[in-house]
């Protein structure tokens, strides 16, 4: 019986050309974040199961991969099943995001860190998603966080650094949707949602990009919302932008709009004149740990966000017993990298030397060494009958030029490079 050779569902292999684009993009993001004063850290891929299921991760806690305890017996499994508590069989789990591990990291190392800590985390995370376009079970996250800054400077720095990284990647057309959890809470209260149903209502609104306004309106109706033509209202809220507030005719703020929270958002807008910020009171962000400002990256060609974040002032206090202000922004790398192209300059610096079967290995290696010392990336390829196929594969792998090594080729200066694909 043949053994399956495909990667696990929801996980992927990357061919050399794809890997090159990914690594170049990660390098740009990393250096852009560092230029804005953030420092990179690393945390384990696993955390204690109790920490991953502490109520801080929202619905993503349900998607965490659990790691079973060692030495379990059939009786242990039967007992856990009888109590409907299979999670008790696990003591560890793969991280489903980088924010919960960061909170634990800060609680562990607080004494060695500055009073305001600006961190970078670029690493894979795992979720037991149902795989589909734009959603994988293993994917890369690129996070920056500021811990210890309670004022708007944290949001301003995070949005500035993220926008700069997107710009350096060459990703155009992006905007940042912004909201505040206080506005959402006030909106739901205005609609008559009972306080104990607020979190459930937020989860429903967060499904807008999955089930649409009609589906969300139907589900909200089951929670007691009795607003006329709710689907139309949700559409108007999502597309109204800043005109929903003080930019509205007459400058009057509607009853459902928390004036303090909206004023804070307007101050952010004024402090970020080079960034396209769009006020969207239907923006929720699914994580249960957000406490204030929230934001997401939007692109006109995509129905889903390219990343997001917000303020989560209550999370670290769960570990320390003392509240510490915190705010973060995460780039959805897997979604962004699909929009990027291979770097043409890198391709020109990658060359292929095509040689005959009986070419002198010492001479080939000497030529390769000289070109490498000039800063080029060099591949040796033995000439085949189907030369076009050989060169096509080299081009797909990110090489931009080639040259033939002949009996008259003695030094690198003798090589006559031609563009691949010409």
Protein backbone atom coordinates (compact mmCIF):
# COMPACT_ATOMS: atom_id res chain seq x y z
CA UNK A 1 0.00 0.00 0.00
CA UNK A 2 1.43 3.35 -1.06
CA UNK A 3 2.26 5.83 1.70
CA UNK A 4 0.87 9.33 1.27
CA UNK A 5 3.59 11.82 0.37
CA UNK A 6 1.61 15.02 0.74
CA UNK A 7 2.14 17.26 3.79
CA UNK A 8 -0.43 17.15 6.60
CA UNK A 9 -3.72 18.83 5.71
CA UNK A 10 -3.54 22.56 6.26
CA UNK A 11 0.27 22.57 6.19
CA UNK A 12 2.57 23.15 3.24
CA UNK A 13 5.93 22.46 1.65
CA UNK A 14 7.70 25.39 -0.02
CA UNK A 15 9.76 25.07 -3.18
CA UNK A 16 13.03 27.02 -3.37
CA UNK A 17 11.55 30.00 -5.25
CA UNK A 18 8.67 30.29 -2.77
CA UNK A 19 11.03 29.95 0.18
CA UNK A 20 13.26 32.70 -1.24
CA UNK A 21 10.31 35.12 -1.48
CA UNK A 22 9.25 34.26 2.06
CA UNK A 23 12.70 34.72 3.58
CA UNK A 24 13.29 38.00 1.74
CA UNK A 25 9.90 39.30 2.92
CA UNK A 26 10.52 38.19 6.52
CA UNK A 27 13.89 39.94 6.42
CA UNK A 28 12.30 43.19 5.25
CA UNK A 29 9.65 43.02 7.98
CA UNK A 30 12.21 42.18 10.66
CA UNK A 31 14.60 45.00 9.72
CA UNK A 32 11.76 47.50 9.36
CA UNK A 33 10.52 46.68 12.86
CA UNK A 34 14.04 46.90 14.26
CA UNK A 35 14.48 50.33 12.66
CA UNK A 36 11.55 51.51 14.77
CA UNK A 37 13.21 50.45 18.03
CA UNK A 38 11.71 46.99 18.57
CA UNK A 39 13.83 44.08 19.84
CA UNK A 40 13.34 40.46 18.81
CA UNK A 41 12.63 37.69 21.30
CA UNK A 42 11.88 33.98 20.98
CA UNK A 43 9.48 31.81 22.97
CA UNK A 44 8.89 28.02 22.93
CA UNK A 45 6.48 26.57 20.37
CA UNK A 46 4.57 24.97 23.28
CA UNK A 47 3.06 26.43 26.42
CA UNK A 48 1.37 24.82 29.41
CA UNK A 49 -2.13 23.68 28.44
CA UNK A 50 -3.72 25.51 31.36
CA UNK A 51 -2.23 28.78 30.08
CA UNK A 52 -3.47 28.26 26.54
CA UNK A 53 -6.97 27.57 27.88
CA UNK A 54 -7.20 30.35 30.46
CA UNK A 55 -9.91 32.31 28.64
CA UNK A 56 -7.50 34.80 27.08
CA UNK A 57 -7.53 33.47 23.53
CA UNK A 58 -11.22 33.67 22.67
CA UNK A 59 -12.44 31.14 20.11
CA UNK A 60 -8.85 30.31 19.16
CA UNK A 61 -8.52 28.32 22.39
CA UNK A 62 -10.88 25.78 20.82
CA UNK A 63 -8.42 25.44 17.91
CA UNK A 64 -5.33 24.74 20.02
CA UNK A 65 -3.44 21.51 19.31
CA UNK A 66 -3.05 19.61 22.57
CA UNK A 67 0.01 17.51 23.46
CA UNK A 68 -0.84 14.40 25.48
CA UNK A 69 0.84 13.63 28.76
CA UNK A 70 3.40 10.87 28.65
CA UNK A 71 2.57 7.41 29.98
CA UNK A 72 -1.22 7.59 29.70
CA UNK A 73 -3.13 4.36 30.16
CA UNK A 74 -6.42 3.19 28.69
CA UNK A 75 -7.96 3.74 32.12
CA UNK A 76 -6.82 7.39 32.09
CA UNK A 77 -8.46 7.94 28.71
CA UNK A 78 -11.67 6.21 29.80
CA UNK A 79 -11.86 8.29 32.99
CA UNK A 80 -11.37 11.55 31.09
CA UNK A 81 -14.00 10.54 28.53
CA UNK A 82 -16.46 9.63 31.28
CA UNK A 83 -16.06 13.11 32.75
CA UNK A 84 -16.23 14.71 29.29
CA UNK A 85 -12.83 16.29 29.98
CA UNK A 86 -10.44 15.00 27.33
CA UNK A 87 -8.35 18.15 27.71
CA UNK A 88 -7.23 16.86 31.11
CA UNK A 89 -5.16 14.28 29.20
CA UNK A 90 -2.89 17.07 27.90
CA UNK A 91 -0.36 19.09 29.84
CA UNK A 92 1.08 21.08 26.92
CA UNK A 93 -0.20 22.59 23.68
CA UNK A 94 1.15 24.23 20.53
CA UNK A 95 0.80 28.01 20.68
CA UNK A 96 -2.15 29.35 18.66
CA UNK A 97 -0.81 32.91 18.62
CA UNK A 98 2.23 34.83 19.88
CA UNK A 99 0.45 37.13 22.33
CA UNK A 100 -0.29 34.63 25.11
CA UNK A 101 3.36 33.40 25.05
CA UNK A 102 4.54 37.04 25.13
CA UNK A 103 2.47 37.74 28.25
CA UNK A 104 4.01 34.72 29.94
CA UNK A 105 7.50 35.77 28.72
CA UNK A 106 7.08 39.26 30.17
CA UNK A 107 5.86 37.91 33.50
CA UNK A 108 8.91 35.62 33.60
CA UNK A 109 11.57 38.18 32.62
CA UNK A 110 10.08 41.48 33.76
CA UNK A 111 13.02 42.34 36.01
CA UNK A 112 15.45 42.10 33.07
CA UNK A 113 13.34 44.19 30.68
CA UNK A 114 12.98 47.99 30.30
CA UNK A 115 9.97 49.71 31.83
CA UNK A 116 8.52 50.11 28.33
CA UNK A 117 9.35 46.98 26.35
CA UNK A 118 9.03 46.91 22.55
CA UNK A 119 9.18 43.35 21.26
CA UNK A 120 9.32 41.56 17.91
CA UNK A 121 8.19 37.96 17.49
CA UNK A 122 8.37 36.33 14.07
CA UNK A 123 7.52 32.65 14.31
CA UNK A 124 5.05 29.90 13.31
CA UNK A 125 1.82 29.21 15.21
CA UNK A 126 -0.66 26.35 14.94
CA UNK A 127 -4.46 26.20 14.90
CA UNK A 128 -6.76 23.26 14.15
CA UNK A 129 -8.53 25.28 11.46
CA UNK A 130 -10.67 23.87 8.70
CA UNK A 131 -8.21 24.57 5.86
CA UNK A 132 -9.40 26.93 3.14
CA UNK A 133 -8.07 29.80 1.06
CA UNK A 134 -6.08 32.08 3.33
CA UNK A 135 -6.40 29.77 6.36
CA UNK A 136 -3.82 27.16 7.33
CA UNK A 137 -3.12 24.97 10.33
CA UNK A 138 0.50 26.12 10.49
CA UNK A 139 1.31 29.69 9.57
CA UNK A 140 3.77 32.47 10.28
CA UNK A 141 2.96 35.50 12.39
CA UNK A 142 4.96 38.72 12.55
CA UNK A 143 4.13 40.52 15.80
CA UNK A 144 5.25 43.74 17.42
CA UNK A 145 4.07 44.65 20.91
CA UNK A 146 4.62 47.47 23.37
CA UNK A 147 4.27 46.62 27.05
CA UNK A 148 4.26 49.26 29.78
CA UNK A 149 2.97 52.24 27.75
CA UNK A 150 -0.56 53.20 28.77
CA UNK A 151 -0.95 56.22 26.50
CA UNK A 152 -1.70 56.54 22.78
CA UNK A 153 2.02 56.57 21.95
CA UNK A 154 1.88 52.76 21.88
CA UNK A 155 -0.83 52.66 19.21
CA UNK A 156 0.88 55.39 17.19
CA UNK A 157 4.25 53.59 17.22
CA UNK A 158 2.71 50.22 16.35
CA UNK A 159 0.64 51.53 13.45
CA UNK A 160 3.56 53.61 12.14
CA UNK A 161 5.97 50.66 12.24
CA UNK A 162 3.47 48.29 10.61
CA UNK A 163 2.60 50.75 7.84
CA UNK A 164 6.33 51.28 7.19
CA UNK A 165 6.89 47.51 6.90
CA UNK A 166 4.04 47.17 4.40
CA UNK A 167 5.48 50.07 2.41
CA UNK A 168 8.96 48.51 2.31
CA UNK A 169 7.43 45.26 1.10
CA UNK A 170 5.97 47.22 -1.82
CA UNK A 171 2.41 46.37 -0.82
CA UNK A 172 0.21 49.22 -1.99
CA UNK A 173 -3.47 49.97 -1.51
CA UNK A 174 -3.64 48.96 2.16
CA UNK A 175 -5.69 50.80 4.74
CA UNK A 176 -6.12 50.24 8.46
CA UNK A 177 -9.61 49.84 9.92
CA UNK A 178 -9.82 51.04 13.49
CA UNK A 179 -12.31 50.81 16.34
CA UNK A 180 -12.49 50.65 20.12
CA UNK A 181 -14.05 47.94 22.27
CA UNK A 182 -15.74 50.68 24.32
CA UNK A 183 -17.62 51.79 21.20
CA UNK A 184 -18.77 48.25 20.54
CA UNK A 185 -20.01 47.85 24.10
CA UNK A 186 -21.95 51.12 23.90
CA UNK A 187 -23.41 50.19 20.50
CA UNK A 188 -24.69 46.84 21.77
CA UNK A 189 -26.18 48.48 24.88
CA UNK A 190 -27.92 50.99 22.58
CA UNK A 191 -29.40 48.03 20.68
CA UNK A 192 -30.70 46.57 23.93
CA UNK A 193 -28.27 43.65 24.29
CA UNK A 194 -28.09 42.46 27.89
CA UNK A 195 -24.67 42.84 29.50
CA UNK A 196 -24.28 39.09 29.96
CA UNK A 197 -24.81 38.58 26.20
CA UNK A 198 -22.29 41.22 25.08
CA UNK A 199 -19.45 38.78 24.42
CA UNK A 200 -21.74 36.45 22.45
CA UNK A 201 -22.95 39.39 20.36
CA UNK A 202 -19.36 40.45 19.64
CA UNK A 203 -18.55 36.94 18.43
CA UNK A 204 -21.53 37.14 16.07
CA UNK A 205 -20.52 40.54 14.65
CA UNK A 206 -16.99 39.23 14.13
CA UNK A 207 -18.44 36.78 11.58
CA UNK A 208 -19.30 39.56 9.11
CA UNK A 209 -16.61 38.52 6.64
CA UNK A 210 -17.71 34.87 6.88
CA UNK A 211 -21.54 34.90 6.85
CA UNK A 212 -22.31 38.42 5.64
CA UNK A 213 -24.61 41.09 7.04
CA UNK A 214 -27.77 39.02 6.58
CA UNK A 215 -26.35 36.07 8.51
CA UNK A 216 -25.08 38.31 11.30
CA UNK A 217 -28.38 40.17 11.49
CA UNK A 218 -30.25 36.87 11.85
CA UNK A 219 -27.98 35.62 14.64
CA UNK A 220 -28.11 38.96 16.49
CA UNK A 221 -31.89 38.74 16.36
CA UNK A 222 -31.72 35.60 18.52
CA UNK A 223 -29.92 37.66 21.19
CA UNK A 224 -32.80 40.09 21.55
CA UNK A 225 -31.69 42.87 19.21
CA UNK A 226 -34.79 44.52 17.85
CA UNK A 227 -33.32 47.15 15.51
CA UNK A 228 -35.28 47.74 12.27
CA UNK A 229 -33.54 46.56 9.09
CA UNK A 230 -30.43 45.48 11.01
CA UNK A 231 -28.64 44.22 7.88
CA UNK A 232 -28.84 47.65 6.24
CA UNK A 233 -27.74 49.30 9.48
CA UNK A 234 -24.68 47.03 9.74
CA UNK A 235 -23.74 47.87 6.14
CA UNK A 236 -24.06 51.60 6.80
CA UNK A 237 -21.95 51.32 9.95
CA UNK A 238 -19.22 49.37 8.15
CA UNK A 239 -18.96 51.81 5.24
CA UNK A 240 -19.68 55.14 6.93
CA UNK A 241 -16.16 55.82 8.18
CA UNK A 242 -15.36 59.01 10.07
CA UNK A 243 -18.58 60.59 8.76
CA UNK A 244 -20.43 58.51 11.38
CA UNK A 245 -18.98 60.78 14.06
CA UNK A 246 -17.79 64.37 14.19
CA UNK A 247 -17.39 64.50 10.39
CA UNK A 248 -21.16 64.06 10.06
CA UNK A 249 -23.28 67.02 8.93
CA UNK A 250 -23.66 69.33 11.90
CA UNK A 251 -20.83 67.60 13.76
CA UNK A 252 -23.20 65.77 16.12
CA UNK A 253 -22.09 62.46 17.62
CA UNK A 254 -24.84 59.79 17.55
CA UNK A 255 -26.13 58.35 20.83
CA UNK A 256 -24.49 54.96 20.31
CA UNK A 257 -21.01 56.41 19.78
CA UNK A 258 -18.90 56.60 22.96
CA UNK A 259 -17.58 60.18 22.76
CA UNK A 260 -14.41 59.56 24.80
CA UNK A 261 -13.39 56.48 22.82
CA UNK A 262 -14.20 58.16 19.51
CA UNK A 263 -12.20 61.22 20.57
CA UNK A 264 -9.21 58.94 21.23
CA UNK A 265 -9.54 57.46 17.74
CA UNK A 266 -9.71 60.91 16.19
CA UNK A 267 -6.53 61.85 18.05
CA UNK A 268 -4.81 58.78 16.58
CA UNK A 269 -6.02 59.79 13.13
CA UNK A 270 -4.54 63.28 13.58
CA UNK A 271 -1.22 61.82 14.79
CA UNK A 272 -0.93 59.51 11.75
CA UNK A 273 -1.43 61.78 8.71
CA UNK A 274 0.57 59.47 6.44
CA UNK A 275 -1.54 56.39 7.19
CA UNK A 276 -5.00 55.73 5.78
CA UNK A 277 -7.12 55.03 8.86
CA UNK A 278 -10.78 54.06 8.42
CA UNK A 279 -13.20 54.11 11.34
CA UNK A 280 -15.35 50.96 11.38
CA UNK A 281 -17.61 50.48 14.44
CA UNK A 282 -18.37 46.89 13.31
CA UNK A 283 -14.73 45.84 13.68
CA UNK A 284 -14.49 43.37 16.59
CA UNK A 285 -11.26 41.32 16.45
CA UNK A 286 -12.16 37.87 17.79
CA UNK A 287 -9.70 37.57 20.65
CA UNK A 288 -11.29 37.86 24.07
CA UNK A 289 -8.36 39.74 25.57
CA UNK A 290 -8.77 43.11 23.79
CA UNK A 291 -9.75 45.99 26.08
CA UNK A 292 -9.59 49.21 24.02
CA UNK A 293 -8.33 50.24 20.58
CA UNK A 294 -8.42 47.53 17.91
CA UNK A 295 -7.26 47.64 14.29
CA UNK A 296 -7.00 45.52 11.14
CA UNK A 297 -5.17 45.79 7.80
CA UNK A 298 -7.47 45.80 4.76
CA UNK A 299 -6.63 45.44 1.07
CA UNK A 300 -9.09 46.21 -1.76
CA UNK A 301 -8.38 42.91 -3.53
CA UNK A 302 -9.14 40.72 -0.51
CA UNK A 303 -12.28 40.03 1.51
CA UNK A 304 -10.28 39.14 4.62
CA UNK A 305 -7.83 41.15 6.73
CA UNK A 306 -4.05 41.05 6.33
CA UNK A 307 -3.35 41.39 10.02
CA UNK A 308 -4.51 43.23 13.09
CA UNK A 309 -4.15 43.88 16.77
CA UNK A 310 -5.13 46.14 19.61
CA UNK A 311 -4.81 46.97 23.27
CA UNK A 312 -4.95 44.12 25.80
CA UNK A 313 -4.29 45.79 29.16
CA UNK A 314 -5.73 42.98 31.27
CA UNK A 315 -3.78 39.97 30.01
CA UNK A 316 -0.40 40.28 31.73
CA UNK A 317 -2.07 40.95 35.05
CA UNK A 318 -3.49 37.41 34.86
CA UNK A 319 0.09 36.15 35.25
CA UNK A 320 1.61 38.86 37.46
CA UNK A 321 -1.32 39.81 39.67
CA UNK A 322 -0.59 43.43 38.69
CA UNK A 323 -2.07 45.01 35.57
CA UNK A 324 0.43 46.17 32.95
CA UNK A 325 -0.69 48.13 29.87
CA UNK A 326 -0.02 46.34 26.59
CA UNK A 327 -0.78 46.79 22.91
CA UNK A 328 0.24 44.78 19.82
CA UNK A 329 -0.01 44.55 16.03
CA UNK A 330 0.38 41.33 14.01
CA UNK A 331 1.00 41.05 10.27
CA UNK A 332 -0.78 38.09 8.69
CA UNK A 333 2.28 36.96 6.81
CA UNK A 334 0.75 34.05 4.87
CA UNK A 335 -1.88 36.32 3.35
CA UNK A 336 0.57 39.10 2.55
CA UNK A 337 3.28 36.95 0.97
CA UNK A 338 0.79 35.73 -1.64
CA UNK A 339 0.54 39.32 -2.89
CA UNK A 340 4.29 39.80 -3.24
CA UNK A 341 6.50 39.13 -6.24
CA UNK A 342 10.01 37.71 -6.45
CA UNK A 343 12.75 40.32 -6.14
CA UNK A 344 14.13 41.13 -9.62
CA UNK A 345 17.42 42.45 -8.21
CA UNK A 346 18.05 39.20 -6.34
CA UNK A 347 17.39 37.22 -9.53
CA UNK A 348 20.02 39.21 -11.45
CA UNK A 349 22.54 38.41 -8.73
CA UNK A 350 21.78 34.68 -9.06
CA UNK A 351 23.54 33.03 -12.00
CA UNK A 352 23.79 29.56 -13.54
CA UNK A 353 26.97 28.16 -15.10
CA UNK A 354 26.09 25.53 -17.72
CA UNK A 355 28.95 23.11 -18.35
CA UNK A 356 29.63 19.97 -20.35
CA UNK A 357 29.74 16.53 -18.77
CA UNK A 358 33.53 16.27 -19.04
CA UNK A 359 34.31 19.76 -17.71
CA UNK A 360 37.17 19.93 -15.22
CA UNK A 361 35.61 20.04 -11.70
CA UNK A 362 38.51 22.08 -10.32
CA UNK A 363 38.03 24.76 -12.98
CA UNK A 364 34.26 24.85 -12.38
CA UNK A 365 34.71 25.29 -8.64
CA UNK A 366 37.34 28.01 -9.20
CA UNK A 367 34.96 29.94 -11.46
CA UNK A 368 32.17 29.52 -8.93
CA UNK A 369 34.40 30.70 -6.08
CA UNK A 370 35.41 33.87 -7.97
CA UNK A 371 31.78 34.75 -8.71
CA UNK A 372 30.70 34.07 -5.12
CA UNK A 373 33.44 36.43 -3.93
CA UNK A 374 31.90 39.09 -6.19
CA UNK A 375 28.67 38.72 -4.26
CA UNK A 376 26.78 36.49 -6.70
CA UNK A 377 24.75 33.38 -6.01
CA UNK A 378 26.02 30.60 -8.29
CA UNK A 379 24.63 27.26 -9.39
CA UNK A 380 26.50 24.71 -11.51
CA UNK A 381 24.33 22.81 -14.04
CA UNK A 382 25.45 20.03 -16.39
CA UNK A 383 24.19 20.68 -19.93
CA UNK A 384 21.32 18.41 -21.01
CA UNK A 385 19.66 17.68 -24.33
CA UNK A 386 16.65 19.73 -23.29
CA UNK A 387 18.51 22.92 -22.46
CA UNK A 388 15.33 25.00 -22.41
CA UNK A 389 13.79 22.87 -19.66
CA UNK A 390 16.98 23.18 -17.60
CA UNK A 391 17.01 26.98 -17.93
CA UNK A 392 13.27 27.25 -17.26
CA UNK A 393 13.70 25.37 -13.98
CA UNK A 394 16.58 27.67 -13.02
CA UNK A 395 14.43 30.72 -13.73
CA UNK A 396 11.60 29.33 -11.62
CA UNK A 397 14.10 28.81 -8.79
CA UNK A 398 14.97 32.51 -8.79
CA UNK A 399 18.01 32.65 -11.06
CA UNK A 400 18.17 35.56 -13.52
CA UNK A 401 21.20 34.95 -15.75
CA UNK A 402 23.23 32.09 -17.21
CA UNK A 403 26.51 31.53 -19.03
CA UNK A 404 28.15 28.59 -20.82
CA UNK A 405 31.47 27.30 -19.55
CA UNK A 406 33.52 26.31 -22.61
CA UNK A 407 37.08 25.15 -23.21
CA UNK A 408 38.00 28.81 -23.70
CA UNK A 409 36.64 29.85 -20.30
CA UNK A 410 39.59 30.38 -18.00
CA UNK A 411 38.41 33.11 -15.62
CA UNK A 412 35.13 34.65 -14.57
CA UNK A 413 35.85 37.55 -16.94
CA UNK A 414 35.52 35.14 -19.88
CA UNK A 415 31.90 34.30 -19.07
CA UNK A 416 29.21 35.78 -21.33
CA UNK A 417 26.07 36.10 -19.20
CA UNK A 418 22.63 36.18 -20.80
CA UNK A 419 19.27 36.80 -19.13
CA UNK A 420 17.16 33.75 -18.43
CA UNK A 421 13.95 33.77 -20.40
CA UNK A 422 15.43 35.81 -23.27
